[in-house]
């Protein structure tokens, strides 16, 4: 483990990994904490593609698993599910040391790619996305015309559920002129999932809830045109959904500045209940943040900054307080890409002592940590 003093905040930063090809914690909304306090990182090694990283000691343990792509980690007990995409086969193991065991597979007649699995491991969610354009680079080009060309491309999609024990497929939902994003099963309810439509969330309803039998559809935080709800995530306990909110009603710069980080409006943190109602909206935050995230106990919130404010930050959080005093903790050195940001994927350790994130070190991404308090 390497350590250095951050050049802007004066805090000690720990570089927890030193993989030659790099290592990263997963996307911000993906569970990553193991029951023993370590976190999962993604990195190719001779035994598989996962590491167990201890932010306190700096110990890094390669996880012996070649069961496929990590699909979902259940943080409560360390149960993980893996998918072998070509074979459409699902395996499961208790991390970090359990041996993978086969769970089941999806027959060829059920269309779509495997996107998630329910928290009890019984039901797979598959997205069959029919897209006329395969190049998403326009989203990240910094050119508005290219951005809008991608947003308005022809596409459609169907969402499926496949119950592994019963070997039963259920067609859940068809989308016309949209596809699916952020398909996330509930961390606590084995019959519930949320998804996002891939339109521009400033014009289109972003977050939706749905039951695995196709019932119970409802929009989360219904939006007026110009209200931007995006980068949603499950709040701890699975009874709430957090999201970033920006009010761009009457903002005539939307078409020339479709990226939130360049919008002339402040960012806020919003939270909704499972009836779709907003129950919390923060005051404007200190800057735009590529992602917002929350600690396992809901007592802390963190952010990732933006193109002109490249810092990971954290603040204590309470539903009773709308002011979130985010404090910069460490500098991010990864080049910024409009719309794609820096791949920081900030999150808290299980005990809230460490903010864990990705940063570029000697030309590759590594997993880093900075102490949350003092």
Protein backbone atom coordinates (compact mmCIF):
# COMPACT_ATOMS: atom_id res chain seq x y z
CA UNK A 1 0.00 0.00 0.00
CA UNK A 2 1.37 3.39 -1.03
CA UNK A 3 0.51 6.62 0.77
CA UNK A 4 0.83 10.27 -0.16
CA UNK A 5 -0.43 13.65 0.98
CA UNK A 6 -3.02 15.17 -1.32
CA UNK A 7 -1.66 18.30 -2.95
CA UNK A 8 -4.88 20.27 -2.47
CA UNK A 9 -6.59 18.98 0.68
CA UNK A 10 -3.55 18.03 2.77
CA UNK A 11 -5.13 14.68 3.65
CA UNK A 12 -3.36 11.34 3.43
CA UNK A 13 -4.45 9.23 0.46
CA UNK A 14 -3.95 5.48 0.42
CA UNK A 15 -3.37 3.76 -2.94
CA UNK A 16 -4.73 0.33 -2.03
CA UNK A 17 -3.96 -1.57 -5.24
CA UNK A 18 -0.92 -1.78 -7.48
CA UNK A 19 -2.14 -4.00 -10.33
CA UNK A 20 -0.07 -3.53 -13.47
CA UNK A 21 -3.20 -3.38 -15.63
CA UNK A 22 -5.13 -1.42 -13.00
CA UNK A 23 -7.96 -2.14 -10.57
CA UNK A 24 -11.28 -0.44 -9.94
CA UNK A 25 -14.25 -0.58 -7.59
CA UNK A 26 -17.47 -1.22 -9.58
CA UNK A 27 -19.98 1.32 -10.86
CA UNK A 28 -21.29 3.55 -8.08
CA UNK A 29 -24.72 1.89 -7.74
CA UNK A 30 -23.36 -1.69 -7.56
CA UNK A 31 -23.00 -3.33 -4.12
CA UNK A 32 -19.34 -3.86 -3.22
CA UNK A 33 -19.00 -4.30 0.57
CA UNK A 34 -18.21 -7.73 2.02
CA UNK A 35 -19.47 -8.70 5.51
CA UNK A 36 -15.90 -8.62 6.92
CA UNK A 37 -15.48 -4.92 6.03
CA UNK A 38 -13.51 -5.37 2.84
CA UNK A 39 -14.65 -4.15 -0.57
CA UNK A 40 -14.72 -5.84 -3.95
CA UNK A 41 -12.53 -4.49 -6.74
CA UNK A 42 -12.36 -5.55 -10.38
CA UNK A 43 -8.92 -6.54 -11.68
CA UNK A 44 -7.71 -9.36 -13.92
CA UNK A 45 -5.30 -11.80 -12.28
CA UNK A 46 -4.34 -15.44 -12.70
CA UNK A 47 -7.18 -16.67 -10.50
CA UNK A 48 -10.03 -14.55 -11.87
CA UNK A 49 -11.12 -10.93 -12.00
CA UNK A 50 -11.98 -9.95 -8.42
CA UNK A 51 -10.01 -8.66 -5.43
CA UNK A 52 -10.99 -8.28 -1.78
CA UNK A 53 -9.45 -5.00 -0.58
CA UNK A 54 -9.10 -3.94 3.06
CA UNK A 55 -8.99 -0.12 3.31
CA UNK A 56 -7.76 -0.28 6.91
CA UNK A 57 -4.77 -2.62 6.57
CA UNK A 58 -4.17 -2.24 2.85
CA UNK A 59 -4.31 -6.01 2.38
CA UNK A 60 -5.37 -7.15 -1.09
CA UNK A 61 -6.56 -10.74 -1.58
CA UNK A 62 -7.13 -12.17 -5.07
CA UNK A 63 -10.46 -13.99 -5.13
CA UNK A 64 -10.21 -17.42 -6.74
CA UNK A 65 -13.18 -17.34 -9.05
CA UNK A 66 -13.49 -18.00 -12.75
CA UNK A 67 -17.26 -18.35 -12.74
CA UNK A 68 -17.82 -15.44 -15.13
CA UNK A 69 -18.92 -11.82 -14.91
CA UNK A 70 -19.97 -10.59 -11.47
CA UNK A 71 -23.70 -10.00 -11.71
CA UNK A 72 -24.68 -9.10 -8.15
CA UNK A 73 -23.23 -9.12 -4.65
CA UNK A 74 -25.53 -9.45 -1.64
CA UNK A 75 -23.74 -7.38 0.98
CA UNK A 76 -25.58 -8.89 3.95
CA UNK A 77 -23.83 -12.27 3.65
CA UNK A 78 -21.35 -11.99 0.78
CA UNK A 79 -23.36 -14.19 -1.58
CA UNK A 80 -22.43 -13.36 -5.16
CA UNK A 81 -23.88 -14.40 -8.49
CA UNK A 82 -21.90 -14.67 -11.70
CA UNK A 83 -22.99 -15.06 -15.30
CA UNK A 84 -21.24 -16.72 -18.22
CA UNK A 85 -22.79 -14.63 -20.98
CA UNK A 86 -22.04 -16.88 -23.95
CA UNK A 87 -23.44 -19.98 -22.22
CA UNK A 88 -26.15 -17.91 -20.43
CA UNK A 89 -25.26 -19.83 -17.29
CA UNK A 90 -25.44 -18.53 -13.70
CA UNK A 91 -23.13 -19.53 -10.85
CA UNK A 92 -23.05 -18.50 -7.20
CA UNK A 93 -20.45 -18.38 -4.43
CA UNK A 94 -19.97 -16.98 -0.95
CA UNK A 95 -17.19 -14.42 -1.22
CA UNK A 96 -14.34 -14.19 -0.67
CA UNK A 97 -13.44 -17.88 -0.28
CA UNK A 98 -16.46 -19.96 -1.33
CA UNK A 99 -16.34 -22.30 -4.31
CA UNK A 100 -18.64 -21.38 -7.24
CA UNK A 101 -21.64 -23.65 -7.72
CA UNK A 102 -23.99 -23.77 -10.74
CA UNK A 103 -27.41 -22.18 -10.24
CA UNK A 104 -29.04 -22.59 -13.65
CA UNK A 105 -29.11 -21.30 -17.19
CA UNK A 106 -31.42 -19.40 -19.52
CA UNK A 107 -32.76 -21.27 -22.58
CA UNK A 108 -32.11 -19.85 -26.03
CA UNK A 109 -35.78 -19.05 -26.63
CA UNK A 110 -35.76 -16.41 -23.86
CA UNK A 111 -34.33 -13.28 -25.54
CA UNK A 112 -32.06 -10.62 -24.13
CA UNK A 113 -28.92 -10.16 -22.13
CA UNK A 114 -28.80 -10.97 -18.42
CA UNK A 115 -28.90 -7.65 -16.55
CA UNK A 116 -29.51 -8.56 -12.89
CA UNK A 117 -30.76 -11.16 -10.43
CA UNK A 118 -33.14 -10.77 -7.49
CA UNK A 119 -31.78 -10.65 -3.95
CA UNK A 120 -32.91 -14.22 -3.24
CA UNK A 121 -31.12 -15.53 -6.34
CA UNK A 122 -34.29 -16.91 -7.89
CA UNK A 123 -35.14 -14.59 -10.78
CA UNK A 124 -33.00 -13.18 -13.56
CA UNK A 125 -33.88 -9.92 -15.29
CA UNK A 126 -33.04 -9.80 -19.01
CA UNK A 127 -33.14 -6.84 -21.40
CA UNK A 128 -33.71 -7.46 -25.11
CA UNK A 129 -32.55 -4.17 -26.62
CA UNK A 130 -33.04 -3.53 -30.33
CA UNK A 131 -30.82 -0.62 -31.29
CA UNK A 132 -30.14 0.81 -34.75
CA UNK A 133 -26.89 2.54 -33.72
CA UNK A 134 -24.07 0.81 -31.91
CA UNK A 135 -21.69 3.71 -31.36
CA UNK A 136 -22.34 5.68 -28.19
CA UNK A 137 -19.30 7.94 -28.60
CA UNK A 138 -21.54 10.87 -29.53
CA UNK A 139 -22.72 11.00 -25.93
CA UNK A 140 -19.19 11.77 -24.80
CA UNK A 141 -17.91 13.82 -27.72
CA UNK A 142 -18.62 17.25 -26.27
CA UNK A 143 -20.54 18.04 -29.49
CA UNK A 144 -24.25 18.76 -29.00
CA UNK A 145 -25.25 17.52 -32.49
CA UNK A 146 -23.60 14.17 -31.90
CA UNK A 147 -25.19 13.95 -28.47
CA UNK A 148 -28.70 14.54 -29.78
CA UNK A 149 -28.18 12.18 -32.71
CA UNK A 150 -27.58 9.39 -30.20
CA UNK A 151 -30.48 10.38 -27.93
CA UNK A 152 -32.98 10.33 -30.81
CA UNK A 153 -31.72 7.18 -32.54
CA UNK A 154 -34.40 4.56 -33.34
CA UNK A 155 -34.55 1.76 -30.77
CA UNK A 156 -36.94 -0.39 -28.77
CA UNK A 157 -36.58 -2.93 -25.97
CA UNK A 158 -38.32 -5.67 -24.00
CA UNK A 159 -37.75 -6.61 -20.37
CA UNK A 160 -38.02 -10.24 -19.29
CA UNK A 161 -37.92 -12.13 -15.99
CA UNK A 162 -36.72 -15.71 -15.85
CA UNK A 163 -37.44 -17.71 -12.68
CA UNK A 164 -34.60 -20.19 -12.38
CA UNK A 165 -36.18 -22.86 -10.13
CA UNK A 166 -39.44 -22.97 -12.14
CA UNK A 167 -37.70 -22.39 -15.50
CA UNK A 168 -40.42 -19.87 -16.28
CA UNK A 169 -40.08 -16.76 -18.47
CA UNK A 170 -42.31 -13.70 -18.02
CA UNK A 171 -42.48 -10.82 -20.46
CA UNK A 172 -42.52 -7.78 -18.20
CA UNK A 173 -42.56 -4.68 -20.37
CA UNK A 174 -42.11 -3.38 -23.92
CA UNK A 175 -40.57 0.02 -24.64
CA UNK A 176 -40.96 1.80 -27.97
CA UNK A 177 -38.46 4.55 -28.89
CA UNK A 178 -36.48 3.84 -25.72
CA UNK A 179 -34.19 1.24 -24.24
CA UNK A 180 -33.41 0.25 -20.63
CA UNK A 181 -30.69 1.57 -18.32
CA UNK A 182 -29.78 0.98 -14.67
CA UNK A 183 -31.77 -2.21 -14.22
CA UNK A 184 -31.47 -2.80 -10.46
CA UNK A 185 -33.29 -5.37 -8.37
CA UNK A 186 -34.20 -4.39 -4.83
CA UNK A 187 -31.59 -5.22 -2.17
CA UNK A 188 -34.34 -6.46 0.18
CA UNK A 189 -37.49 -7.33 -1.82
CA UNK A 190 -37.09 -10.37 -4.13
CA UNK A 191 -40.08 -9.33 -6.25
CA UNK A 192 -39.15 -5.70 -6.96
CA UNK A 193 -36.87 -3.93 -9.43
CA UNK A 194 -36.29 -0.45 -10.74
CA UNK A 195 -35.16 0.62 -14.17
CA UNK A 196 -34.48 3.78 -16.13
CA UNK A 197 -35.42 4.74 -19.67
CA UNK A 198 -32.47 5.85 -21.78
CA UNK A 199 -33.97 9.07 -23.08
CA UNK A 200 -32.74 12.45 -21.93
CA UNK A 201 -34.06 12.56 -18.38
CA UNK A 202 -34.72 16.30 -18.60
CA UNK A 203 -37.54 15.59 -21.10
CA UNK A 204 -38.51 12.00 -20.23
CA UNK A 205 -39.60 10.20 -17.07
CA UNK A 206 -36.42 8.59 -15.77
CA UNK A 207 -37.08 6.14 -12.89
CA UNK A 208 -39.68 3.37 -12.78
CA UNK A 209 -40.54 0.54 -10.39
CA UNK A 210 -41.87 -2.84 -11.52
CA UNK A 211 -42.67 -6.23 -9.99
CA UNK A 212 -41.03 -9.38 -11.32
CA UNK A 213 -44.44 -10.69 -12.43
CA UNK A 214 -44.99 -7.57 -14.56
CA UNK A 215 -47.37 -5.85 -12.13
CA UNK A 216 -46.98 -2.77 -9.96
CA UNK A 217 -45.48 -0.42 -12.55
CA UNK A 218 -45.18 3.16 -11.37
CA UNK A 219 -42.98 6.20 -12.05
CA UNK A 220 -40.65 7.31 -9.28
CA UNK A 221 -40.63 11.06 -8.67
CA UNK A 222 -42.93 12.00 -11.61
CA UNK A 223 -41.25 14.72 -13.64
CA UNK A 224 -42.45 17.87 -15.32
CA UNK A 225 -40.75 18.72 -18.61
CA UNK A 226 -37.47 20.40 -17.75
CA UNK A 227 -37.02 18.64 -14.42
CA UNK A 228 -33.96 16.42 -14.52
CA UNK A 229 -33.90 13.26 -12.42
CA UNK A 230 -30.90 11.01 -13.05
CA UNK A 231 -28.24 8.67 -11.61
CA UNK A 232 -30.70 6.94 -9.31
CA UNK A 233 -29.67 4.37 -6.70
CA UNK A 234 -31.24 2.27 -3.94
CA UNK A 235 -31.11 3.90 -0.52
CA UNK A 236 -29.99 1.52 2.30
CA UNK A 237 -32.80 -0.83 3.32
CA UNK A 238 -34.44 -0.80 -0.10
CA UNK A 239 -37.43 1.34 0.93
CA UNK A 240 -36.23 4.54 -0.74
CA UNK A 241 -34.58 5.58 -4.00
CA UNK A 242 -31.97 8.35 -4.15
CA UNK A 243 -31.25 10.42 -7.26
CA UNK A 244 -29.66 13.58 -8.56
CA UNK A 245 -32.10 16.41 -9.28
CA UNK A 246 -31.69 19.53 -11.38
CA UNK A 247 -34.47 21.97 -12.26
CA UNK A 248 -33.96 23.09 -15.85
CA UNK A 249 -37.51 24.35 -16.38
CA UNK A 250 -37.23 27.44 -18.55
CA UNK A 251 -33.53 26.81 -19.24
CA UNK A 252 -33.06 27.65 -22.91
CA UNK A 253 -29.52 26.25 -22.95
CA UNK A 254 -30.66 22.60 -22.82
CA UNK A 255 -30.05 21.91 -26.50
CA UNK A 256 -26.61 23.51 -26.62
CA UNK A 257 -25.61 22.29 -23.14
CA UNK A 258 -27.33 18.89 -22.70
CA UNK A 259 -24.73 17.69 -20.17
CA UNK A 260 -25.67 18.33 -16.56
CA UNK A 261 -22.16 19.35 -15.56
CA UNK A 262 -22.34 22.40 -17.86
CA UNK A 263 -25.91 23.43 -17.07
CA UNK A 264 -26.50 26.86 -15.48
CA UNK A 265 -28.59 25.33 -12.68
CA UNK A 266 -27.55 23.83 -9.32
CA UNK A 267 -27.60 20.13 -8.46
CA UNK A 268 -29.61 18.71 -5.56
CA UNK A 269 -30.03 15.31 -3.90
CA UNK A 270 -33.54 13.90 -4.01
CA UNK A 271 -35.06 10.85 -2.31
CA UNK A 272 -38.38 9.16 -3.09
CA UNK A 273 -40.37 6.39 -1.40
CA UNK A 274 -41.71 3.23 -3.04
CA UNK A 275 -44.98 4.99 -3.80
CA UNK A 276 -42.96 7.22 -6.12
CA UNK A 277 -43.33 10.32 -3.94
CA UNK A 278 -40.44 12.64 -3.25
CA UNK A 279 -39.81 12.76 0.50
CA UNK A 280 -36.58 14.77 0.53
CA UNK A 281 -34.87 17.41 -1.62
CA UNK A 282 -31.62 18.97 -0.48
CA UNK A 283 -30.51 22.53 -0.83
CA UNK A 284 -28.28 23.20 -3.86
CA UNK A 285 -24.98 21.33 -3.49
CA UNK A 286 -21.54 22.92 -3.66
CA UNK A 287 -21.12 21.91 -7.33
CA UNK A 288 -22.34 19.41 -9.87
CA UNK A 289 -21.34 15.83 -8.96
CA UNK A 290 -20.93 13.06 -11.49
CA UNK A 291 -22.45 10.68 -8.94
CA UNK A 292 -23.83 10.93 -5.43
CA UNK A 293 -23.76 7.96 -3.07
CA UNK A 294 -24.68 7.04 0.49
CA UNK A 295 -23.14 5.05 3.34
CA UNK A 296 -24.55 1.66 4.39
CA UNK A 297 -26.30 3.22 7.40
CA UNK A 298 -27.58 6.28 5.55
CA UNK A 299 -25.61 8.64 7.81
CA UNK A 300 -23.17 9.97 5.19
CA UNK A 301 -23.38 11.19 1.61
CA UNK A 302 -20.48 11.46 -0.83
CA UNK A 303 -19.89 13.12 -4.19
CA UNK A 304 -17.41 12.98 -7.05
CA UNK A 305 -17.15 16.55 -8.23
CA UNK A 306 -17.12 17.57 -11.88
CA UNK A 307 -14.93 18.89 -14.72
CA UNK A 308 -13.80 22.02 -12.88
CA UNK A 309 -14.01 20.62 -9.35
CA UNK A 310 -12.20 17.27 -9.42
CA UNK A 311 -12.50 16.08 -5.82
CA UNK A 312 -14.14 13.27 -3.90
CA UNK A 313 -16.10 14.71 -1.00
CA UNK A 314 -18.27 13.64 1.92
CA UNK A 315 -20.72 15.06 4.45
CA UNK A 316 -22.86 13.81 7.34
CA UNK A 317 -26.48 13.36 6.29
CA UNK A 318 -29.89 13.57 7.93
CA UNK A 319 -33.36 13.52 6.37
CA UNK A 320 -34.20 16.35 8.75
CA UNK A 321 -31.53 18.67 7.31
CA UNK A 322 -31.63 19.96 3.73
CA UNK A 323 -28.13 21.43 3.88
CA UNK A 324 -25.41 18.91 2.92
CA UNK A 325 -21.99 20.40 3.79
CA UNK A 326 -19.84 18.42 1.37
CA UNK A 327 -16.12 18.71 2.15
CA UNK A 328 -13.41 17.98 -0.41
CA UNK A 329 -11.23 15.08 0.77
CA UNK A 330 -8.99 14.11 -2.17
CA UNK A 331 -8.13 15.23 -5.67
CA UNK A 332 -9.05 13.20 -8.76
CA UNK A 333 -6.36 13.08 -11.45
CA UNK A 334 -8.23 11.23 -14.21
CA UNK A 335 -8.99 13.25 -17.38
CA UNK A 336 -12.60 14.41 -17.52
CA UNK A 337 -14.91 13.32 -20.36
CA UNK A 338 -18.25 15.15 -20.84
CA UNK A 339 -21.13 12.84 -19.96
CA UNK A 340 -18.80 10.02 -18.88
CA UNK A 341 -16.91 11.92 -16.17
CA UNK A 342 -13.87 10.17 -14.62
CA UNK A 343 -14.96 6.69 -13.51
CA UNK A 344 -14.44 7.59 -9.85
CA UNK A 345 -17.27 5.39 -8.43
CA UNK A 346 -17.01 6.73 -4.89
CA UNK A 347 -18.43 4.81 -1.92
CA UNK A 348 -17.98 4.34 1.83
CA UNK A 349 -16.41 1.50 3.74
CA UNK A 350 -18.84 -0.46 5.91
CA UNK A 351 -17.74 1.42 9.06
CA UNK A 352 -17.87 4.86 7.35
CA UNK A 353 -14.20 5.48 8.17
CA UNK A 354 -13.01 5.48 4.57
CA UNK A 355 -14.13 6.94 1.29
CA UNK A 356 -13.06 4.45 -1.39
CA UNK A 357 -12.74 5.46 -5.03
CA UNK A 358 -10.84 5.04 -8.30
CA UNK A 359 -8.11 7.41 -9.43
CA UNK A 360 -5.41 7.37 -12.08
CA UNK A 361 -1.97 6.52 -10.65
CA UNK A 362 1.03 6.22 -12.97
CA UNK A 363 -1.25 6.06 -16.00
CA UNK A 364 -3.75 3.39 -14.83
CA UNK A 365 -6.75 3.30 -12.51
CA UNK A 366 -6.13 2.05 -8.98
CA UNK A 367 -8.37 1.79 -5.92
CA UNK A 368 -7.69 4.57 -3.41
CA UNK A 369 -9.00 5.52 0.03
CA UNK A 370 -9.09 8.67 2.13
CA UNK A 371 -10.26 8.95 5.74
CA UNK A 372 -13.73 10.48 6.05
CA UNK A 373 -13.13 12.31 9.32
CA UNK A 374 -9.92 14.05 10.27
